[in-house]
Amino acid sequence: MARPLIQMALDSLDFDATVALAEQVAPHVDIFEIGTPCIKHNGVNLVKTLRAKFPDKLILVDLKTMDAGEYEATPFYAAGADICTVLGVSGLATCMGVIKAANAFGAEAQIDLINVEDKVACARATAEAGAHVMGIHTGLDAQAAGHTPFSDLNDIARLGLNVRISVAGGIKAATVQDVVKSGANIIVVGAAIYGAPSPAEAAREIRELVDATEA
């Protein structure tokens, strides 16, 4: 298995604070995720800024597209996004629109399985349609209710689909090695890094734990 990638969720609404946080953690992460509230507030200019500052990093724009997939995703790929997300609950046609836009730019489309009732069926259908990344996502509200992404991760990993598997949902230093061992290719970390006294130190710790783990 290839070295798992660490994705840093940038969730602040403040443009300058987002860029500053990215600069702090850049040595230790592989993907910058512009979170949904952040991209709604700051728009495509934040994508362009991060692309210019970090040419060696992947940039994921968490659009959570629900309709008009190709139309919505295209300007973000054009601005330099490597990955855009589309909600699995949007239906296959919308997912295929984002996949089409991604392919036009040599980029990737990620299917977010949040709130999808039959995640296995959705993952199979969208992978067959050409999706590149499958996102196992336990949202903030579900986390507050005590849910974790592990059961869903195991279900999707067992399918053996030709996609990378991304996992998000309250991952921290104490759990990140379990996520790697369960078969995740991309580990999404947010509050455990940006909420730490030293985000750079927290990111370094996560990096070391991931690199020390054998899946």
N, C-alpha and C. Protein backbone atom coordinates (compact mmCIF):
# COMPACT_ATOMS: atom_id res chain seq x y z
N MET A 1 0.84 -1.20 0.00
CA MET A 1 0.00 0.00 0.00
C MET A 1 0.87 1.24 0.00
N ALA A 2 0.50 2.21 -0.81
CA ALA A 2 1.25 3.46 -0.87
C ALA A 2 1.14 4.22 0.45
N ARG A 3 2.11 5.05 0.69
CA ARG A 3 2.11 5.88 1.90
C ARG A 3 0.80 6.67 2.00
N PRO A 4 0.07 6.53 3.11
CA PRO A 4 -1.18 7.28 3.25
C PRO A 4 -0.93 8.79 3.23
N LEU A 5 -1.87 9.50 2.64
CA LEU A 5 -1.78 10.95 2.58
C LEU A 5 -2.53 11.57 3.76
N ILE A 6 -2.02 12.66 4.26
CA ILE A 6 -2.69 13.39 5.33
C ILE A 6 -3.33 14.64 4.74
N GLN A 7 -4.61 14.77 4.99
CA GLN A 7 -5.39 15.90 4.49
C GLN A 7 -5.75 16.81 5.66
N MET A 8 -5.38 18.07 5.54
CA MET A 8 -5.66 19.06 6.58
C MET A 8 -6.92 19.84 6.23
N ALA A 9 -7.91 19.75 7.11
CA ALA A 9 -9.16 20.46 6.88
C ALA A 9 -9.03 21.91 7.35
N LEU A 10 -9.19 22.82 6.41
CA LEU A 10 -9.13 24.25 6.71
C LEU A 10 -10.57 24.76 6.79
N ASP A 11 -11.03 25.00 8.01
CA ASP A 11 -12.44 25.28 8.22
C ASP A 11 -12.77 26.71 8.64
N SER A 12 -11.76 27.54 8.85
CA SER A 12 -12.02 28.92 9.27
C SER A 12 -12.67 29.73 8.15
N LEU A 13 -13.49 30.68 8.51
CA LEU A 13 -14.08 31.58 7.51
C LEU A 13 -13.13 32.72 7.16
N ASP A 14 -12.10 32.91 7.96
CA ASP A 14 -11.16 34.02 7.79
C ASP A 14 -10.11 33.66 6.72
N PHE A 15 -10.08 34.41 5.65
CA PHE A 15 -9.19 34.13 4.52
C PHE A 15 -7.73 34.12 4.97
N ASP A 16 -7.28 35.17 5.64
CA ASP A 16 -5.88 35.27 6.04
C ASP A 16 -5.50 34.22 7.07
N ALA A 17 -6.41 33.93 8.00
CA ALA A 17 -6.14 32.90 9.01
C ALA A 17 -6.02 31.53 8.36
N THR A 18 -6.80 31.28 7.32
CA THR A 18 -6.73 30.01 6.61
C THR A 18 -5.38 29.84 5.93
N VAL A 19 -4.92 30.88 5.26
CA VAL A 19 -3.63 30.82 4.58
C VAL A 19 -2.50 30.67 5.61
N ALA A 20 -2.61 31.38 6.73
CA ALA A 20 -1.57 31.31 7.77
C ALA A 20 -1.49 29.91 8.37
N LEU A 21 -2.64 29.29 8.61
CA LEU A 21 -2.65 27.93 9.14
C LEU A 21 -2.02 26.96 8.14
N ALA A 22 -2.35 27.13 6.88
CA ALA A 22 -1.77 26.27 5.85
C ALA A 22 -0.24 26.37 5.85
N GLU A 23 0.26 27.57 6.01
CA GLU A 23 1.71 27.78 6.04
C GLU A 23 2.35 27.06 7.23
N GLN A 24 1.66 27.05 8.36
CA GLN A 24 2.20 26.40 9.56
C GLN A 24 2.33 24.89 9.40
N VAL A 25 1.33 24.28 8.81
CA VAL A 25 1.28 22.81 8.78
C VAL A 25 1.82 22.21 7.47
N ALA A 26 2.13 23.05 6.50
CA ALA A 26 2.52 22.57 5.17
C ALA A 26 3.62 21.50 5.17
N PRO A 27 4.64 21.58 6.03
CA PRO A 27 5.70 20.56 5.96
C PRO A 27 5.23 19.15 6.30
N HIS A 28 4.06 19.03 6.92
CA HIS A 28 3.66 17.74 7.46
C HIS A 28 2.41 17.14 6.81
N VAL A 29 1.79 17.85 5.88
CA VAL A 29 0.56 17.36 5.27
C VAL A 29 0.71 17.31 3.74
N ASP A 30 -0.20 16.55 3.11
CA ASP A 30 -0.13 16.36 1.67
C ASP A 30 -1.23 17.07 0.90
N ILE A 31 -2.39 17.22 1.56
CA ILE A 31 -3.57 17.78 0.91
C ILE A 31 -4.13 18.89 1.78
N PHE A 32 -4.42 20.02 1.17
CA PHE A 32 -5.17 21.07 1.85
C PHE A 32 -6.62 20.98 1.42
N GLU A 33 -7.48 20.77 2.40
CA GLU A 33 -8.92 20.75 2.14
C GLU A 33 -9.51 22.11 2.50
N ILE A 34 -10.12 22.76 1.53
CA ILE A 34 -10.87 23.98 1.81
C ILE A 34 -12.28 23.53 2.18
N GLY A 35 -12.59 23.60 3.48
CA GLY A 35 -13.85 23.09 3.99
C GLY A 35 -15.06 23.80 3.39
N THR A 36 -16.21 23.17 3.51
CA THR A 36 -17.42 23.71 2.89
C THR A 36 -17.77 25.12 3.35
N PRO A 37 -17.84 25.39 4.67
CA PRO A 37 -18.12 26.77 5.08
C PRO A 37 -17.05 27.76 4.58
N CYS A 38 -15.81 27.30 4.57
CA CYS A 38 -14.69 28.16 4.15
C CYS A 38 -14.80 28.52 2.67
N ILE A 39 -15.11 27.52 1.83
CA ILE A 39 -15.19 27.82 0.39
C ILE A 39 -16.44 28.64 0.08
N LYS A 40 -17.52 28.42 0.80
CA LYS A 40 -18.72 29.23 0.59
C LYS A 40 -18.46 30.69 0.93
N HIS A 41 -17.68 30.91 1.95
CA HIS A 41 -17.43 32.28 2.42
C HIS A 41 -16.37 32.99 1.57
N ASN A 42 -15.34 32.25 1.17
CA ASN A 42 -14.18 32.88 0.52
C ASN A 42 -14.12 32.70 -0.99
N GLY A 43 -14.77 31.67 -1.50
CA GLY A 43 -14.86 31.52 -2.94
C GLY A 43 -13.59 31.06 -3.64
N VAL A 44 -13.64 31.17 -4.95
CA VAL A 44 -12.60 30.60 -5.80
C VAL A 44 -11.25 31.29 -5.62
N ASN A 45 -11.22 32.52 -5.12
CA ASN A 45 -9.94 33.21 -4.93
C ASN A 45 -9.05 32.52 -3.90
N LEU A 46 -9.66 31.85 -2.92
CA LEU A 46 -8.86 31.12 -1.95
C LEU A 46 -8.17 29.93 -2.62
N VAL A 47 -8.85 29.28 -3.54
CA VAL A 47 -8.23 28.18 -4.30
C VAL A 47 -7.02 28.71 -5.07
N LYS A 48 -7.20 29.83 -5.74
CA LYS A 48 -6.10 30.40 -6.51
C LYS A 48 -4.92 30.78 -5.63
N THR A 49 -5.21 31.33 -4.45
CA THR A 49 -4.15 31.74 -3.54
C THR A 49 -3.36 30.54 -3.02
N LEU A 50 -4.05 29.51 -2.58
CA LEU A 50 -3.37 28.32 -2.08
C LEU A 50 -2.60 27.61 -3.20
N ARG A 51 -3.18 27.60 -4.42
CA ARG A 51 -2.48 26.97 -5.53
C ARG A 51 -1.16 27.67 -5.81
N ALA A 52 -1.17 28.99 -5.75
CA ALA A 52 0.04 29.76 -6.02
C ALA A 52 1.08 29.58 -4.92
N LYS A 53 0.64 29.52 -3.68
CA LYS A 53 1.55 29.42 -2.54
C LYS A 53 2.11 28.02 -2.35
N PHE A 54 1.32 27.02 -2.72
CA PHE A 54 1.70 25.63 -2.44
C PHE A 54 1.58 24.78 -3.70
N PRO A 55 2.46 25.00 -4.66
CA PRO A 55 2.36 24.27 -5.93
C PRO A 55 2.59 22.77 -5.78
N ASP A 56 3.22 22.35 -4.67
CA ASP A 56 3.53 20.94 -4.49
C ASP A 56 2.47 20.20 -3.68
N LYS A 57 1.42 20.89 -3.23
CA LYS A 57 0.38 20.25 -2.44
C LYS A 57 -0.86 19.98 -3.29
N LEU A 58 -1.61 18.95 -2.91
CA LEU A 58 -2.92 18.75 -3.50
C LEU A 58 -3.92 19.66 -2.81
N ILE A 59 -4.87 20.16 -3.58
CA ILE A 59 -5.92 21.01 -3.02
C ILE A 59 -7.27 20.36 -3.28
N LEU A 60 -7.99 20.13 -2.19
CA LEU A 60 -9.34 19.59 -2.28
C LEU A 60 -10.33 20.68 -1.91
N VAL A 61 -11.33 20.85 -2.75
CA VAL A 61 -12.39 21.82 -2.47
C VAL A 61 -13.65 21.02 -2.09
N ASP A 62 -14.07 21.20 -0.85
CA ASP A 62 -15.19 20.41 -0.33
C ASP A 62 -16.52 21.07 -0.69
N LEU A 63 -16.85 20.99 -1.97
CA LEU A 63 -18.07 21.64 -2.47
C LEU A 63 -19.34 20.96 -1.96
N LYS A 64 -19.25 19.66 -1.71
CA LYS A 64 -20.46 18.89 -1.35
C LYS A 64 -21.59 19.17 -2.36
N THR A 65 -21.25 19.11 -3.62
CA THR A 65 -22.20 19.41 -4.69
C THR A 65 -23.43 18.51 -4.60
N MET A 66 -24.61 19.11 -4.79
CA MET A 66 -25.87 18.39 -4.71
C MET A 66 -26.63 18.41 -6.04
N ASP A 67 -26.23 19.30 -6.95
CA ASP A 67 -26.90 19.42 -8.24
C ASP A 67 -25.96 20.14 -9.20
N ALA A 68 -26.25 20.04 -10.49
CA ALA A 68 -25.45 20.73 -11.51
C ALA A 68 -23.96 20.44 -11.34
N GLY A 69 -23.62 19.16 -11.28
CA GLY A 69 -22.27 18.76 -10.92
C GLY A 69 -21.17 19.34 -11.78
N GLU A 70 -21.26 19.17 -13.09
CA GLU A 70 -20.21 19.66 -13.97
C GLU A 70 -20.11 21.18 -13.92
N TYR A 71 -21.25 21.84 -13.93
CA TYR A 71 -21.29 23.30 -13.95
C TYR A 71 -20.68 23.89 -12.67
N GLU A 72 -20.99 23.29 -11.54
CA GLU A 72 -20.50 23.82 -10.27
C GLU A 72 -19.03 23.55 -10.06
N ALA A 73 -18.57 22.37 -10.45
CA ALA A 73 -17.19 21.99 -10.17
C ALA A 73 -16.18 22.60 -11.12
N THR A 74 -16.58 22.86 -12.36
CA THR A 74 -15.63 23.30 -13.38
C THR A 74 -14.80 24.52 -12.99
N PRO A 75 -15.39 25.61 -12.46
CA PRO A 75 -14.55 26.77 -12.15
C PRO A 75 -13.53 26.51 -11.05
N PHE A 76 -13.81 25.56 -10.18
CA PHE A 76 -12.86 25.26 -9.11
C PHE A 76 -11.70 24.42 -9.62
N TYR A 77 -11.99 23.48 -10.51
CA TYR A 77 -10.89 22.78 -11.17
C TYR A 77 -10.06 23.75 -12.00
N ALA A 78 -10.72 24.66 -12.67
CA ALA A 78 -10.00 25.64 -13.50
C ALA A 78 -9.09 26.53 -12.66
N ALA A 79 -9.49 26.76 -11.40
CA ALA A 79 -8.70 27.63 -10.51
C ALA A 79 -7.53 26.89 -9.86
N GLY A 80 -7.47 25.56 -10.06
CA GLY A 80 -6.34 24.81 -9.53
C GLY A 80 -6.66 23.70 -8.57
N ALA A 81 -7.95 23.42 -8.33
CA ALA A 81 -8.29 22.32 -7.44
C ALA A 81 -7.89 20.99 -8.05
N ASP A 82 -7.37 20.11 -7.20
CA ASP A 82 -7.02 18.76 -7.64
C ASP A 82 -8.18 17.79 -7.42
N ILE A 83 -8.99 18.07 -6.41
CA ILE A 83 -10.12 17.21 -6.05
C ILE A 83 -11.29 18.10 -5.66
N CYS A 84 -12.49 17.75 -6.13
CA CYS A 84 -13.71 18.38 -5.64
C CYS A 84 -14.64 17.27 -5.15
N THR A 85 -15.45 17.61 -4.16
CA THR A 85 -16.36 16.61 -3.61
C THR A 85 -17.78 16.81 -4.12
N VAL A 86 -18.47 15.69 -4.25
CA VAL A 86 -19.89 15.69 -4.63
C VAL A 86 -20.59 14.71 -3.70
N LEU A 87 -21.78 15.06 -3.26
CA LEU A 87 -22.51 14.21 -2.33
C LEU A 87 -23.06 12.97 -3.02
N GLY A 88 -22.83 11.82 -2.42
CA GLY A 88 -23.38 10.59 -2.96
C GLY A 88 -24.89 10.62 -3.01
N VAL A 89 -25.52 11.32 -2.08
CA VAL A 89 -26.99 11.40 -2.06
C VAL A 89 -27.53 12.24 -3.21
N SER A 90 -26.67 12.92 -3.94
CA SER A 90 -27.13 13.74 -5.07
C SER A 90 -27.65 12.90 -6.22
N GLY A 91 -27.20 11.64 -6.27
CA GLY A 91 -27.60 10.77 -7.38
C GLY A 91 -26.49 10.61 -8.40
N LEU A 92 -26.59 9.58 -9.19
CA LEU A 92 -25.51 9.22 -10.11
C LEU A 92 -25.27 10.28 -11.18
N ALA A 93 -26.33 10.91 -11.68
CA ALA A 93 -26.15 11.91 -12.75
C ALA A 93 -25.29 13.08 -12.28
N THR A 94 -25.54 13.56 -11.08
CA THR A 94 -24.76 14.69 -10.54
C THR A 94 -23.33 14.27 -10.28
N CYS A 95 -23.16 13.09 -9.71
CA CYS A 95 -21.80 12.57 -9.47
C CYS A 95 -21.03 12.47 -10.78
N MET A 96 -21.71 12.00 -11.83
CA MET A 96 -21.04 11.86 -13.12
C MET A 96 -20.66 13.20 -13.72
N GLY A 97 -21.42 14.24 -13.41
CA GLY A 97 -21.07 15.57 -13.87
C GLY A 97 -19.76 16.06 -13.29
N VAL A 98 -19.57 15.82 -11.99
CA VAL A 98 -18.31 16.21 -11.35
C VAL A 98 -17.16 15.35 -11.86
N ILE A 99 -17.42 14.07 -12.06
CA ILE A 99 -16.40 13.19 -12.63
C ILE A 99 -15.97 13.69 -14.02
N LYS A 100 -16.94 14.09 -14.83
CA LYS A 100 -16.64 14.61 -16.16
C LYS A 100 -15.78 15.86 -16.08
N ALA A 101 -16.13 16.78 -15.17
CA ALA A 101 -15.35 18.00 -14.99
C ALA A 101 -13.93 17.68 -14.53
N ALA A 102 -13.81 16.75 -13.59
CA ALA A 102 -12.49 16.36 -13.10
C ALA A 102 -11.63 15.82 -14.23
N ASN A 103 -12.19 14.94 -15.02
CA ASN A 103 -11.42 14.33 -16.11
C ASN A 103 -10.98 15.37 -17.13
N ALA A 104 -11.80 16.39 -17.34
CA ALA A 104 -11.45 17.44 -18.30
C ALA A 104 -10.20 18.21 -17.88
N PHE A 105 -9.94 18.22 -16.56
CA PHE A 105 -8.79 18.97 -16.05
C PHE A 105 -7.68 18.05 -15.52
N GLY A 106 -7.79 16.76 -15.79
CA GLY A 106 -6.81 15.82 -15.28
C GLY A 106 -6.80 15.77 -13.77
N ALA A 107 -7.97 15.98 -13.17
CA ALA A 107 -8.11 16.05 -11.72
C ALA A 107 -8.93 14.86 -11.22
N GLU A 108 -9.43 14.95 -9.99
CA GLU A 108 -10.15 13.85 -9.38
C GLU A 108 -11.48 14.30 -8.78
N ALA A 109 -12.43 13.39 -8.77
CA ALA A 109 -13.73 13.63 -8.13
C ALA A 109 -13.86 12.70 -6.93
N GLN A 110 -14.27 13.28 -5.82
CA GLN A 110 -14.48 12.49 -4.60
C GLN A 110 -15.96 12.42 -4.28
N ILE A 111 -16.44 11.20 -4.04
CA ILE A 111 -17.82 10.99 -3.65
C ILE A 111 -17.89 11.01 -2.13
N ASP A 112 -18.65 11.94 -1.57
CA ASP A 112 -18.83 12.04 -0.13
C ASP A 112 -20.04 11.19 0.25
N LEU A 113 -19.80 10.15 1.03
CA LEU A 113 -20.86 9.21 1.40
C LEU A 113 -21.64 9.62 2.64
N ILE A 114 -21.46 10.85 3.10
CA ILE A 114 -22.19 11.32 4.28
C ILE A 114 -23.70 11.22 4.04
N ASN A 115 -24.37 10.61 4.99
CA ASN A 115 -25.84 10.47 4.97
C ASN A 115 -26.38 9.59 3.84
N VAL A 116 -25.51 8.89 3.12
CA VAL A 116 -25.98 7.92 2.13
C VAL A 116 -26.47 6.68 2.88
N GLU A 117 -27.68 6.24 2.58
CA GLU A 117 -28.25 5.11 3.31
C GLU A 117 -27.55 3.81 2.97
N ASP A 118 -27.37 3.53 1.68
CA ASP A 118 -26.68 2.32 1.25
C ASP A 118 -25.33 2.73 0.67
N LYS A 119 -24.35 2.83 1.55
CA LYS A 119 -23.04 3.32 1.15
C LYS A 119 -22.33 2.35 0.20
N VAL A 120 -22.51 1.07 0.42
CA VAL A 120 -21.87 0.08 -0.44
C VAL A 120 -22.38 0.19 -1.87
N ALA A 121 -23.69 0.28 -2.04
CA ALA A 121 -24.26 0.39 -3.39
C ALA A 121 -23.83 1.68 -4.06
N CYS A 122 -23.81 2.78 -3.32
CA CYS A 122 -23.40 4.07 -3.88
C CYS A 122 -21.93 4.03 -4.29
N ALA A 123 -21.10 3.46 -3.43
CA ALA A 123 -19.66 3.38 -3.74
C ALA A 123 -19.42 2.55 -4.99
N ARG A 124 -20.12 1.43 -5.10
CA ARG A 124 -19.95 0.59 -6.28
C ARG A 124 -20.37 1.32 -7.55
N ALA A 125 -21.53 1.97 -7.51
CA ALA A 125 -22.06 2.62 -8.70
C ALA A 125 -21.19 3.78 -9.14
N THR A 126 -20.75 4.60 -8.20
CA THR A 126 -19.95 5.78 -8.55
C THR A 126 -18.53 5.39 -8.95
N ALA A 127 -17.99 4.34 -8.35
CA ALA A 127 -16.67 3.85 -8.77
C ALA A 127 -16.74 3.34 -10.19
N GLU A 128 -17.81 2.63 -10.51
CA GLU A 128 -17.99 2.14 -11.89
C GLU A 128 -18.13 3.29 -12.86
N ALA A 129 -18.69 4.41 -12.40
CA ALA A 129 -18.86 5.59 -13.25
C ALA A 129 -17.58 6.41 -13.39
N GLY A 130 -16.55 6.03 -12.64
CA GLY A 130 -15.26 6.69 -12.82
C GLY A 130 -14.80 7.56 -11.67
N ALA A 131 -15.48 7.51 -10.53
CA ALA A 131 -15.03 8.28 -9.37
C ALA A 131 -13.61 7.88 -8.99
N HIS A 132 -12.86 8.82 -8.47
CA HIS A 132 -11.46 8.58 -8.15
C HIS A 132 -11.22 8.35 -6.66
N VAL A 133 -12.03 9.01 -5.82
CA VAL A 133 -11.86 8.93 -4.37
C VAL A 133 -13.23 8.68 -3.74
N MET A 134 -13.26 7.80 -2.74
CA MET A 134 -14.49 7.55 -2.00
C MET A 134 -14.30 8.11 -0.59
N GLY A 135 -15.18 9.01 -0.19
CA GLY A 135 -15.03 9.67 1.09
C GLY A 135 -15.94 9.09 2.16
N ILE A 136 -15.35 8.46 3.16
CA ILE A 136 -16.09 7.99 4.34
C ILE A 136 -16.11 9.16 5.31
N HIS A 137 -17.27 9.71 5.55
CA HIS A 137 -17.35 11.00 6.24
C HIS A 137 -18.39 10.94 7.35
N THR A 138 -17.93 10.96 8.58
CA THR A 138 -18.83 11.10 9.73
C THR A 138 -18.85 12.57 10.10
N GLY A 139 -19.98 13.22 9.84
CA GLY A 139 -20.07 14.67 10.03
C GLY A 139 -20.05 15.09 11.49
N LEU A 140 -19.95 16.39 11.70
CA LEU A 140 -19.85 16.92 13.06
C LEU A 140 -21.06 16.55 13.90
N ASP A 141 -22.24 16.63 13.31
CA ASP A 141 -23.45 16.31 14.08
C ASP A 141 -23.47 14.83 14.47
N ALA A 142 -23.06 13.97 13.54
CA ALA A 142 -23.01 12.54 13.84
C ALA A 142 -21.93 12.23 14.88
N GLN A 143 -20.80 12.94 14.80
CA GLN A 143 -19.75 12.75 15.80
C GLN A 143 -20.28 13.11 17.19
N ALA A 144 -21.03 14.19 17.25
CA ALA A 144 -21.59 14.63 18.54
C ALA A 144 -22.54 13.59 19.12
N ALA A 145 -23.14 12.79 18.24
CA ALA A 145 -24.05 11.74 18.68
C ALA A 145 -23.31 10.43 18.98
N GLY A 146 -21.98 10.45 18.86
CA GLY A 146 -21.18 9.30 19.24
C GLY A 146 -20.78 8.39 18.11
N HIS A 147 -21.03 8.78 16.86
CA HIS A 147 -20.69 7.92 15.73
C HIS A 147 -19.23 8.10 15.30
N THR A 148 -18.67 7.04 14.75
CA THR A 148 -17.30 7.07 14.22
C THR A 148 -17.32 6.50 12.79
N PRO A 149 -16.26 6.73 12.01
CA PRO A 149 -16.25 6.25 10.62
C PRO A 149 -15.79 4.81 10.45
N PHE A 150 -15.43 4.11 11.50
CA PHE A 150 -14.74 2.82 11.36
C PHE A 150 -15.59 1.75 10.69
N SER A 151 -16.85 1.61 11.05
CA SER A 151 -17.70 0.58 10.46
C SER A 151 -17.86 0.80 8.96
N ASP A 152 -18.14 2.06 8.57
CA ASP A 152 -18.28 2.37 7.15
C ASP A 152 -16.97 2.15 6.40
N LEU A 153 -15.85 2.50 7.02
CA LEU A 153 -14.55 2.31 6.39
C LEU A 153 -14.31 0.83 6.11
N ASN A 154 -14.60 -0.01 7.07
CA ASN A 154 -14.40 -1.44 6.87
C ASN A 154 -15.28 -1.98 5.74
N ASP A 155 -16.53 -1.51 5.68
CA ASP A 155 -17.45 -1.97 4.63
C ASP A 155 -16.95 -1.60 3.25
N ILE A 156 -16.47 -0.38 3.09
CA ILE A 156 -16.01 0.09 1.78
C ILE A 156 -14.66 -0.53 1.42
N ALA A 157 -13.77 -0.64 2.38
CA ALA A 157 -12.45 -1.20 2.11
C ALA A 157 -12.56 -2.64 1.62
N ARG A 158 -13.53 -3.37 2.13
CA ARG A 158 -13.70 -4.78 1.73
C ARG A 158 -14.14 -4.95 0.28
N LEU A 159 -14.66 -3.89 -0.33
CA LEU A 159 -15.16 -3.99 -1.70
C LEU A 159 -14.04 -4.12 -2.72
N GLY A 160 -12.86 -3.63 -2.38
CA GLY A 160 -11.73 -3.71 -3.30
C GLY A 160 -11.90 -2.87 -4.55
N LEU A 161 -12.56 -1.72 -4.42
CA LEU A 161 -12.80 -0.85 -5.57
C LEU A 161 -11.52 -0.17 -6.02
N ASN A 162 -11.47 0.20 -7.28
CA ASN A 162 -10.30 0.88 -7.84
C ASN A 162 -10.38 2.39 -7.56
N VAL A 163 -10.43 2.72 -6.28
CA VAL A 163 -10.48 4.11 -5.85
C VAL A 163 -9.61 4.26 -4.61
N ARG A 164 -9.24 5.50 -4.32
CA ARG A 164 -8.63 5.77 -3.03
C ARG A 164 -9.75 6.01 -2.01
N ILE A 165 -9.49 5.64 -0.77
CA ILE A 165 -10.49 5.80 0.29
C ILE A 165 -10.01 6.88 1.24
N SER A 166 -10.86 7.89 1.40
CA SER A 166 -10.59 8.99 2.31
C SER A 166 -11.49 8.85 3.53
N VAL A 167 -10.94 9.13 4.70
CA VAL A 167 -11.71 8.98 5.94
C VAL A 167 -11.64 10.25 6.75
N ALA A 168 -12.81 10.75 7.15
CA ALA A 168 -12.91 11.97 7.96
C ALA A 168 -13.93 11.76 9.06
N GLY A 169 -13.65 12.34 10.22
CA GLY A 169 -14.62 12.26 11.29
C GLY A 169 -14.00 12.15 12.66
N GLY A 170 -13.47 13.26 13.17
CA GLY A 170 -12.94 13.28 14.52
C GLY A 170 -11.63 12.52 14.70
N ILE A 171 -10.86 12.36 13.63
CA ILE A 171 -9.61 11.61 13.72
C ILE A 171 -8.57 12.44 14.48
N LYS A 172 -7.87 11.77 15.38
CA LYS A 172 -6.86 12.43 16.21
C LYS A 172 -5.67 11.49 16.40
N ALA A 173 -4.68 11.95 17.16
CA ALA A 173 -3.47 11.16 17.34
C ALA A 173 -3.77 9.77 17.90
N ALA A 174 -4.75 9.67 18.80
CA ALA A 174 -5.05 8.40 19.46
C ALA A 174 -5.72 7.40 18.53
N THR A 175 -6.29 7.86 17.42
CA THR A 175 -7.03 6.95 16.54
C THR A 175 -6.45 6.85 15.13
N VAL A 176 -5.51 7.69 14.78
CA VAL A 176 -5.07 7.76 13.39
C VAL A 176 -4.43 6.46 12.92
N GLN A 177 -3.72 5.76 13.78
CA GLN A 177 -3.09 4.51 13.35
C GLN A 177 -4.13 3.43 13.08
N ASP A 178 -5.22 3.44 13.83
CA ASP A 178 -6.31 2.48 13.57
C ASP A 178 -6.93 2.75 12.20
N VAL A 179 -7.03 4.02 11.82
CA VAL A 179 -7.59 4.38 10.52
C VAL A 179 -6.69 3.86 9.40
N VAL A 180 -5.40 4.03 9.55
CA VAL A 180 -4.46 3.53 8.55
C VAL A 180 -4.56 2.01 8.43
N LYS A 181 -4.60 1.32 9.57
CA LYS A 181 -4.66 -0.14 9.58
C LYS A 181 -5.95 -0.66 8.95
N SER A 182 -7.00 0.17 8.98
CA SER A 182 -8.28 -0.25 8.42
C SER A 182 -8.35 -0.08 6.91
N GLY A 183 -7.32 0.50 6.31
CA GLY A 183 -7.25 0.57 4.85
C GLY A 183 -7.45 1.94 4.23
N ALA A 184 -7.39 2.99 5.03
CA ALA A 184 -7.56 4.34 4.47
C ALA A 184 -6.33 4.76 3.69
N ASN A 185 -6.56 5.41 2.56
CA ASN A 185 -5.47 5.98 1.76
C ASN A 185 -5.24 7.45 2.06
N ILE A 186 -6.32 8.13 2.48
CA ILE A 186 -6.26 9.56 2.81
C ILE A 186 -6.89 9.74 4.18
N ILE A 187 -6.14 10.33 5.10
CA ILE A 187 -6.63 10.55 6.46
C ILE A 187 -6.86 12.04 6.64
N VAL A 188 -8.11 12.39 6.93
CA VAL A 188 -8.48 13.80 7.07
C VAL A 188 -8.46 14.18 8.54
N VAL A 189 -7.69 15.21 8.85
CA VAL A 189 -7.59 15.68 10.23
C VAL A 189 -7.91 17.18 10.26
N GLY A 190 -8.75 17.56 11.18
CA GLY A 190 -9.14 18.96 11.30
C GLY A 190 -8.85 19.51 12.67
N ALA A 191 -9.83 19.39 13.58
CA ALA A 191 -9.74 20.02 14.90
C ALA A 191 -8.54 19.54 15.70
N ALA A 192 -8.12 18.28 15.50
CA ALA A 192 -6.97 17.77 16.25
C ALA A 192 -5.71 18.53 15.93
N ILE A 193 -5.68 19.18 14.75
CA ILE A 193 -4.53 20.02 14.38
C ILE A 193 -4.83 21.49 14.63
N TYR A 194 -5.91 22.01 14.02
CA TYR A 194 -6.12 23.46 14.13
C TYR A 194 -6.57 23.89 15.52
N GLY A 195 -7.04 22.95 16.34
CA GLY A 195 -7.44 23.28 17.71
C GLY A 195 -6.33 23.08 18.72
N ALA A 196 -5.17 22.61 18.27
CA ALA A 196 -4.05 22.35 19.17
C ALA A 196 -3.31 23.64 19.50
N PRO A 197 -2.64 23.67 20.67
CA PRO A 197 -1.84 24.86 21.02
C PRO A 197 -0.81 25.20 19.94
N SER A 198 -0.22 24.16 19.34
CA SER A 198 0.71 24.35 18.23
C SER A 198 0.24 23.48 17.07
N PRO A 199 -0.47 24.05 16.09
CA PRO A 199 -0.91 23.25 14.96
C PRO A 199 0.24 22.56 14.23
N ALA A 200 1.37 23.23 14.12
CA ALA A 200 2.51 22.63 13.42
C ALA A 200 3.00 21.39 14.15
N GLU A 201 3.07 21.46 15.48
CA GLU A 201 3.52 20.32 16.26
C GLU A 201 2.51 19.18 16.20
N ALA A 202 1.23 19.51 16.25
CA ALA A 202 0.18 18.48 16.16
C ALA A 202 0.23 17.79 14.80
N ALA A 203 0.44 18.56 13.73
CA ALA A 203 0.54 17.98 12.39
C ALA A 203 1.76 17.08 12.27
N ARG A 204 2.87 17.51 12.86
CA ARG A 204 4.08 16.68 12.83
C ARG A 204 3.85 15.35 13.55
N GLU A 205 3.15 15.39 14.70
CA GLU A 205 2.87 14.17 15.45
C GLU A 205 2.00 13.21 14.63
N ILE A 206 0.97 13.75 13.98
CA ILE A 206 0.11 12.92 13.15
C ILE A 206 0.91 12.30 12.00
N ARG A 207 1.76 13.10 11.38
CA ARG A 207 2.60 12.60 10.28
C ARG A 207 3.47 11.43 10.73
N GLU A 208 4.10 11.58 11.89
CA GLU A 208 4.98 10.53 12.39
C GLU A 208 4.21 9.26 12.72
N LEU A 209 3.02 9.42 13.29
CA LEU A 209 2.20 8.26 13.63
C LEU A 209 1.75 7.51 12.38
N VAL A 210 1.35 8.27 11.37
CA VAL A 210 0.92 7.66 10.11
C VAL A 210 2.08 6.92 9.45
N ASP A 211 3.22 7.56 9.38
CA ASP A 211 4.37 6.96 8.71
C ASP A 211 4.91 5.74 9.45
N ALA A 212 4.63 5.66 10.76
CA ALA A 212 5.12 4.53 11.56
C ALA A 212 4.17 3.35 11.53
N THR A 213 3.02 3.50 10.86
CA THR A 213 1.98 2.47 10.87
C THR A 213 2.04 1.64 9.60
N GLU A 214 1.92 0.35 9.74
CA GLU A 214 1.82 -0.54 8.60
C GLU A 214 0.37 -0.99 8.48
N ALA A 215 -0.25 -0.73 7.32
CA ALA A 215 -1.66 -1.09 7.12
C ALA A 215 -1.82 -2.61 7.07
